[in-house]
Amino acid sequence: MIPVQEKPAPDRFDQAVRQKGLAFLRRMEVAMDQPLPDQIQLEPYWRACLDDLHEAYGGICAYLCVYIERIVGGVSVDHFVAKSKKASLAYEWSNYRLACMTMNCRKRDYEDALDPFTILDGWFQLELVTGRIYANPEAPPDVRKQVVATIDRLGLDDLPCREMRSRHFQEYCEGFFSADFLRRRSPFVWYEARRQGLL
């Protein structure tokens, strides 16, 4: 993972998502400061902003740090603070992270994954040849603990994730694409290759 800079809500967000969502919560008499009652199913108005979210964040999954092709249907809105925990944030742009379906399903409503909006450069590092992800050994102990918990929760170091990152770096090294393409399609690999003086 690398830091993600929060982008402003699109102009149409308030009308298309927030106002509809708040009206729904009022109609269902959902307490804004309480966990969502089990019997309430939220209306997924956030889906109306999925194209905007994809565009705003360059199509990059906030957790896996690779480009998600919109057409394949693997793009989703992750509610960083889970809808079940705080209904008032279900329809708030600031609570949305662009995520591939795999990462969103792994994160679910757990609270032990770091927020891409608040992490700092270098907390997560890579072995580029193997694709292994690990906590920066020079980070403070509490940060390392949170990084490890995030890696474990999201499965960021599983074999498919390792293979993907390793392949991206290898294909760059073999000249299949440019450093700029790597930056736009696999920015974590690009960031780590640059940090390690390999670009």
C-alpha atoms as a PDB file:
ATOM      1  CA  MET A   1       0.000   0.000   0.000  1.00  0.00           C
ATOM      2  CA  ILE A   2       0.971   3.578  -0.598  1.00  0.00           C
ATOM      3  CA  PRO A   3      -0.662   6.802   0.625  1.00  0.00           C
ATOM      4  CA  VAL A   4      -3.798   7.867  -1.237  1.00  0.00           C
ATOM      5  CA  GLN A   5      -4.683  11.540  -1.369  1.00  0.00           C
ATOM      6  CA  GLU A   6      -8.371  12.148  -0.730  1.00  0.00           C
ATOM      7  CA  LYS A   7     -10.151  13.679  -3.729  1.00  0.00           C
ATOM      8  CA  PRO A   8     -13.106  16.065  -3.520  1.00  0.00           C
ATOM      9  CA  ALA A   9     -16.616  14.784  -4.102  1.00  0.00           C
ATOM     10  CA  PRO A  10     -17.961  15.283  -7.632  1.00  0.00           C
ATOM     11  CA  ASP A  11     -20.544  18.026  -8.088  1.00  0.00           C
ATOM     12  CA  ARG A  12     -23.413  15.598  -8.573  1.00  0.00           C
ATOM     13  CA  PHE A  13     -22.607  13.499  -5.509  1.00  0.00           C
ATOM     14  CA  ASP A  14     -24.779  15.381  -3.038  1.00  0.00           C
ATOM     15  CA  GLN A  15     -27.943  15.009  -5.100  1.00  0.00           C
ATOM     16  CA  ALA A  16     -27.258  11.555  -6.550  1.00  0.00           C
ATOM     17  CA  VAL A  17     -26.047   9.858  -3.372  1.00  0.00           C
ATOM     18  CA  ARG A  18     -25.971  11.823  -0.120  1.00  0.00           C
ATOM     19  CA  GLN A  19     -29.433  13.384  -0.162  1.00  0.00           C
ATOM     20  CA  LYS A  20     -31.115  10.186  -1.335  1.00  0.00           C
ATOM     21  CA  GLY A  21     -29.257   8.212   1.315  1.00  0.00           C
ATOM     22  CA  LEU A  22     -30.062  10.579   4.148  1.00  0.00           C
ATOM     23  CA  ALA A  23     -33.707  10.644   3.132  1.00  0.00           C
ATOM     24  CA  PHE A  24     -33.742   6.844   3.193  1.00  0.00           C
ATOM     25  CA  LEU A  25     -32.178   6.759   6.678  1.00  0.00           C
ATOM     26  CA  ARG A  26     -34.746   9.254   7.975  1.00  0.00           C
ATOM     27  CA  ARG A  27     -37.584   7.295   6.407  1.00  0.00           C
ATOM     28  CA  MET A  28     -36.359   4.083   8.037  1.00  0.00           C
ATOM     29  CA  GLU A  29     -35.761   5.931  11.354  1.00  0.00           C
ATOM     30  CA  VAL A  30     -32.143   4.796  11.514  1.00  0.00           C
ATOM     31  CA  ALA A  31     -30.155   6.389  14.348  1.00  0.00           C
ATOM     32  CA  MET A  32     -27.196   8.176  12.784  1.00  0.00           C
ATOM     33  CA  ASP A  33     -24.808   7.602  15.673  1.00  0.00           C
ATOM     34  CA  GLN A  34     -25.574   3.911  16.213  1.00  0.00           C
ATOM     35  CA  PRO A  35     -24.689   0.653  14.435  1.00  0.00           C
ATOM     36  CA  LEU A  36     -27.106  -0.253  11.680  1.00  0.00           C
ATOM     37  CA  PRO A  37     -29.931  -2.496  12.945  1.00  0.00           C
ATOM     38  CA  ASP A  38     -29.680  -6.020  11.548  1.00  0.00           C
ATOM     39  CA  GLN A  39     -33.086  -5.861   9.912  1.00  0.00           C
ATOM     40  CA  ILE A  40     -32.276  -2.757   7.833  1.00  0.00           C
ATOM     41  CA  GLN A  41     -30.905  -3.201   4.322  1.00  0.00           C
ATOM     42  CA  LEU A  42     -29.389   0.034   3.039  1.00  0.00           C
ATOM     43  CA  GLU A  43     -30.229   1.271  -0.428  1.00  0.00           C
ATOM     44  CA  PRO A  44     -26.954   1.176  -2.409  1.00  0.00           C
ATOM     45  CA  TYR A  45     -27.119   4.722  -3.736  1.00  0.00           C
ATOM     46  CA  TRP A  46     -23.310   4.845  -3.578  1.00  0.00           C
ATOM     47  CA  ARG A  47     -23.234   2.761  -6.763  1.00  0.00           C
ATOM     48  CA  ALA A  48     -24.295   5.903  -8.628  1.00  0.00           C
ATOM     49  CA  CYS A  49     -20.864   7.400  -7.948  1.00  0.00           C
ATOM     50  CA  LEU A  50     -18.763   4.386  -8.894  1.00  0.00           C
ATOM     51  CA  ASP A  51     -17.668   5.853 -12.230  1.00  0.00           C
ATOM     52  CA  ASP A  52     -16.776   9.120 -10.487  1.00  0.00           C
ATOM     53  CA  LEU A  53     -14.810   7.259  -7.800  1.00  0.00           C
ATOM     54  CA  HIS A  54     -12.929   5.268 -10.430  1.00  0.00           C
ATOM     55  CA  GLU A  55     -12.056   8.439 -12.342  1.00  0.00           C
ATOM     56  CA  ALA A  56     -11.112  10.461  -9.253  1.00  0.00           C
ATOM     57  CA  TYR A  57      -8.614   7.846  -8.062  1.00  0.00           C
ATOM     58  CA  GLY A  58      -7.205   6.965 -11.465  1.00  0.00           C
ATOM     59  CA  GLY A  59      -8.749   3.512 -11.320  1.00  0.00           C
ATOM     60  CA  ILE A  60      -6.248   2.382  -8.665  1.00  0.00           C
ATOM     61  CA  CYS A  61      -7.411   0.050  -5.894  1.00  0.00           C
ATOM     62  CA  ALA A  62      -6.648   1.821  -2.619  1.00  0.00           C
ATOM     63  CA  TYR A  63      -5.428  -1.417  -1.017  1.00  0.00           C
ATOM     64  CA  LEU A  64      -3.898  -3.567  -3.750  1.00  0.00           C
ATOM     65  CA  CYS A  65      -2.463  -0.553  -5.616  1.00  0.00           C
ATOM     66  CA  VAL A  66      -3.146  -1.787  -9.133  1.00  0.00           C
ATOM     67  CA  TYR A  67      -5.372  -0.463 -11.888  1.00  0.00           C
ATOM     68  CA  ILE A  68      -8.873  -1.958 -11.996  1.00  0.00           C
ATOM     69  CA  GLU A  69     -10.396  -2.199 -15.441  1.00  0.00           C
ATOM     70  CA  ARG A  70     -13.907  -0.761 -15.093  1.00  0.00           C
ATOM     71  CA  ILE A  71     -15.358  -2.976 -17.800  1.00  0.00           C
ATOM     72  CA  VAL A  72     -14.643  -6.289 -16.044  1.00  0.00           C
ATOM     73  CA  GLY A  73     -16.930  -5.427 -13.137  1.00  0.00           C
ATOM     74  CA  GLY A  74     -14.279  -5.806 -10.447  1.00  0.00           C
ATOM     75  CA  VAL A  75     -14.645  -2.248  -9.120  1.00  0.00           C
ATOM     76  CA  SER A  76     -16.395  -1.532  -5.833  1.00  0.00           C
ATOM     77  CA  VAL A  77     -16.980   1.154  -3.230  1.00  0.00           C
ATOM     78  CA  ASP A  78     -15.357   0.230   0.057  1.00  0.00           C
ATOM     79  CA  HIS A  79     -16.895   2.002   3.032  1.00  0.00           C
ATOM     80  CA  PHE A  80     -13.782   2.472   5.153  1.00  0.00           C
ATOM     81  CA  VAL A  81     -15.926   2.770   8.272  1.00  0.00           C
ATOM     82  CA  ALA A  82     -18.315  -0.091   7.675  1.00  0.00           C
ATOM     83  CA  LYS A  83     -21.964   0.701   6.958  1.00  0.00           C
ATOM     84  CA  SER A  84     -22.930  -1.669   9.737  1.00  0.00           C
ATOM     85  CA  LYS A  85     -20.881   0.310  12.257  1.00  0.00           C
ATOM     86  CA  LYS A  86     -22.043   3.839  11.467  1.00  0.00           C
ATOM     87  CA  ALA A  87     -25.009   4.378   9.169  1.00  0.00           C
ATOM     88  CA  SER A  88     -24.396   8.117   8.939  1.00  0.00           C
ATOM     89  CA  LEU A  89     -21.247   7.458   6.872  1.00  0.00           C
ATOM     90  CA  ALA A  90     -22.905   5.103   4.391  1.00  0.00           C
ATOM     91  CA  TYR A  91     -23.580   7.931   1.959  1.00  0.00           C
ATOM     92  CA  GLU A  92     -20.510  10.095   2.543  1.00  0.00           C
ATOM     93  CA  TRP A  93     -17.856  10.444  -0.171  1.00  0.00           C
ATOM     94  CA  SER A  94     -15.108  10.927   2.422  1.00  0.00           C
ATOM     95  CA  ASN A  95     -15.768   7.389   3.689  1.00  0.00           C
ATOM     96  CA  TYR A  96     -15.379   5.783   0.253  1.00  0.00           C
ATOM     97  CA  ARG A  97     -12.248   4.027  -0.973  1.00  0.00           C
ATOM     98  CA  LEU A  98     -11.984   2.652  -4.486  1.00  0.00           C
ATOM     99  CA  ALA A  99     -11.357  -1.065  -4.084  1.00  0.00           C
ATOM    100  CA  CYS A 100     -11.267  -4.174  -6.189  1.00  0.00           C
ATOM    101  CA  MET A 101     -13.879  -6.717  -5.175  1.00  0.00           C
ATOM    102  CA  THR A 102     -11.276  -9.062  -3.686  1.00  0.00           C
ATOM    103  CA  MET A 103      -9.934  -6.457  -1.257  1.00  0.00           C
ATOM    104  CA  ASN A 104     -13.407  -5.208  -0.358  1.00  0.00           C
ATOM    105  CA  CYS A 105     -14.571  -8.751   0.431  1.00  0.00           C
ATOM    106  CA  ARG A 106     -11.501  -9.428   2.571  1.00  0.00           C
ATOM    107  CA  LYS A 107     -11.775  -6.181   4.518  1.00  0.00           C
ATOM    108  CA  ARG A 108     -15.532  -6.471   5.110  1.00  0.00           C
ATOM    109  CA  ASP A 109     -16.493  -4.730   8.374  1.00  0.00           C
ATOM    110  CA  TYR A 110     -13.251  -5.460  10.208  1.00  0.00           C
ATOM    111  CA  GLU A 111     -11.455  -2.468  11.690  1.00  0.00           C
ATOM    112  CA  ASP A 112      -7.831  -3.614  11.703  1.00  0.00           C
ATOM    113  CA  ALA A 113      -6.808  -2.454   8.212  1.00  0.00           C
ATOM    114  CA  LEU A 114      -4.997   0.852   7.900  1.00  0.00           C
ATOM    115  CA  ASP A 115      -6.671   3.672   6.024  1.00  0.00           C
ATOM    116  CA  PRO A 116      -4.892   4.457   2.729  1.00  0.00           C
ATOM    117  CA  PHE A 117      -5.753   8.127   3.370  1.00  0.00           C
ATOM    118  CA  THR A 118      -3.659   8.213   6.554  1.00  0.00           C
ATOM    119  CA  ILE A 119      -0.675   5.936   5.957  1.00  0.00           C
ATOM    120  CA  LEU A 120       2.745   7.462   5.299  1.00  0.00           C
ATOM    121  CA  ASP A 121       5.315   6.833   2.575  1.00  0.00           C
ATOM    122  CA  GLY A 122       7.442   3.784   3.213  1.00  0.00           C
ATOM    123  CA  TRP A 123       5.320   2.011   5.814  1.00  0.00           C
ATOM    124  CA  PHE A 124       4.807  -0.860   3.351  1.00  0.00           C
ATOM    125  CA  GLN A 125       7.783  -2.152   1.370  1.00  0.00           C
ATOM    126  CA  LEU A 126       8.393  -4.749  -1.332  1.00  0.00           C
ATOM    127  CA  GLU A 127      10.892  -7.323  -2.452  1.00  0.00           C
ATOM    128  CA  LEU A 128      10.471  -6.651  -6.136  1.00  0.00           C
ATOM    129  CA  VAL A 129      11.785  -9.963  -7.467  1.00  0.00           C
ATOM    130  CA  THR A 130       9.514 -12.108  -5.265  1.00  0.00           C
ATOM    131  CA  GLY A 131       6.690  -9.598  -4.803  1.00  0.00           C
ATOM    132  CA  ARG A 132       6.780 -10.072  -1.017  1.00  0.00           C
ATOM    133  CA  ILE A 133       5.250  -7.199   0.950  1.00  0.00           C
ATOM    134  CA  TYR A 134       6.409  -6.390   4.482  1.00  0.00           C
ATOM    135  CA  ALA A 135       6.463  -3.686   7.131  1.00  0.00           C
ATOM    136  CA  ASN A 136       9.314  -1.196   7.000  1.00  0.00           C
ATOM    137  CA  PRO A 137      11.723  -2.525   9.671  1.00  0.00           C
ATOM    138  CA  GLU A 138      12.682   1.061  10.554  1.00  0.00           C
ATOM    139  CA  ALA A 139       9.105   2.153  11.260  1.00  0.00           C
ATOM    140  CA  PRO A 140       8.000   2.576  14.895  1.00  0.00           C
ATOM    141  CA  PRO A 141       6.859  -0.699  16.534  1.00  0.00           C
ATOM    142  CA  ASP A 142       3.202   0.353  16.696  1.00  0.00           C
ATOM    143  CA  VAL A 143       3.243   1.215  12.986  1.00  0.00           C
ATOM    144  CA  ARG A 144       4.875  -2.114  12.106  1.00  0.00           C
ATOM    145  CA  LYS A 145       2.194  -3.912  14.088  1.00  0.00           C
ATOM    146  CA  GLN A 146      -0.579  -2.080  12.210  1.00  0.00           C
ATOM    147  CA  VAL A 147       1.084  -2.726   8.844  1.00  0.00           C
ATOM    148  CA  VAL A 148       1.375  -6.451   9.584  1.00  0.00           C
ATOM    149  CA  ALA A 149      -2.267  -6.555  10.698  1.00  0.00           C
ATOM    150  CA  THR A 150      -3.313  -4.860   7.454  1.00  0.00           C
ATOM    151  CA  ILE A 151      -1.256  -7.253   5.327  1.00  0.00           C
ATOM    152  CA  ASP A 152      -2.799 -10.200   7.157  1.00  0.00           C
ATOM    153  CA  ARG A 153      -6.371  -8.896   7.024  1.00  0.00           C
ATOM    154  CA  LEU A 154      -6.278  -8.121   3.299  1.00  0.00           C
ATOM    155  CA  GLY A 155      -4.118 -11.076   2.291  1.00  0.00           C
ATOM    156  CA  LEU A 156      -1.713  -8.680   0.579  1.00  0.00           C
ATOM    157  CA  ASP A 157       1.135 -11.169   0.815  1.00  0.00           C
ATOM    158  CA  ASP A 158      -0.688 -14.204  -0.508  1.00  0.00           C
ATOM    159  CA  LEU A 159       0.767 -16.049  -3.491  1.00  0.00           C
ATOM    160  CA  PRO A 160      -1.424 -14.436  -6.188  1.00  0.00           C
ATOM    161  CA  CYS A 161      -0.596 -10.937  -4.891  1.00  0.00           C
ATOM    162  CA  ARG A 162       3.114 -11.733  -4.791  1.00  0.00           C
ATOM    163  CA  GLU A 163       3.012 -13.205  -8.284  1.00  0.00           C
ATOM    164  CA  MET A 164       1.200 -10.174  -9.688  1.00  0.00           C
ATOM    165  CA  ARG A 165       3.667  -7.655  -8.260  1.00  0.00           C
ATOM    166  CA  SER A 166       6.670  -9.747  -9.272  1.00  0.00           C
ATOM    167  CA  ARG A 167       5.290 -10.101 -12.807  1.00  0.00           C
ATOM    168  CA  HIS A 168       4.670  -6.368 -13.136  1.00  0.00           C
ATOM    169  CA  PHE A 169       8.268  -5.623 -12.179  1.00  0.00           C
ATOM    170  CA  GLN A 170       9.684  -8.380 -14.372  1.00  0.00           C
ATOM    171  CA  GLU A 171       7.700  -7.260 -17.400  1.00  0.00           C
ATOM    172  CA  TYR A 172       8.920  -3.698 -16.876  1.00  0.00           C
ATOM    173  CA  CYS A 173      12.515  -4.975 -16.645  1.00  0.00           C
ATOM    174  CA  GLU A 174      12.058  -6.957 -19.851  1.00  0.00           C
ATOM    175  CA  GLY A 175      10.859  -3.864 -21.689  1.00  0.00           C
ATOM    176  CA  PHE A 176       7.229  -4.841 -22.188  1.00  0.00           C
ATOM    177  CA  PHE A 177       6.153  -1.406 -20.980  1.00  0.00           C
ATOM    178  CA  SER A 178       7.563   1.922 -19.827  1.00  0.00           C
ATOM    179  CA  ALA A 179       8.162   3.231 -16.334  1.00  0.00           C
ATOM    180  CA  ASP A 180       5.253   5.638 -16.842  1.00  0.00           C
ATOM    181  CA  PHE A 181       2.927   2.763 -17.705  1.00  0.00           C
ATOM    182  CA  LEU A 182       4.124   0.931 -14.583  1.00  0.00           C
ATOM    183  CA  ARG A 183       3.388   4.044 -12.518  1.00  0.00           C
ATOM    184  CA  ARG A 184      -0.171   4.253 -13.860  1.00  0.00           C
ATOM    185  CA  ARG A 185      -0.970   0.530 -13.669  1.00  0.00           C
ATOM    186  CA  SER A 186       0.982  -0.714 -10.657  1.00  0.00           C
ATOM    187  CA  PRO A 187       1.986   2.373  -8.642  1.00  0.00           C
ATOM    188  CA  PHE A 188       3.204   0.505  -5.544  1.00  0.00           C
ATOM    189  CA  VAL A 189       5.648  -1.522  -7.634  1.00  0.00           C
ATOM    190  CA  TRP A 190       6.715   1.672  -9.416  1.00  0.00           C
ATOM    191  CA  TYR A 191       7.143   3.503  -6.094  1.00  0.00           C
ATOM    192  CA  GLU A 192       9.272   0.742  -4.621  1.00  0.00           C
ATOM    193  CA  ALA A 193      11.372   0.339  -7.778  1.00  0.00           C
ATOM    194  CA  ARG A 194      12.084   4.052  -7.695  1.00  0.00           C
ATOM    195  CA  ARG A 195      12.855   4.023  -3.952  1.00  0.00           C
ATOM    196  CA  GLN A 196      15.287   1.175  -4.486  1.00  0.00           C
ATOM    197  CA  GLY A 197      17.009   2.981  -7.370  1.00  0.00           C
ATOM    198  CA  LEU A 198      15.812   0.517 -10.008  1.00  0.00           C
ATOM    199  CA  LEU A 199      14.036   2.970 -12.295  1.00  0.00           C
END
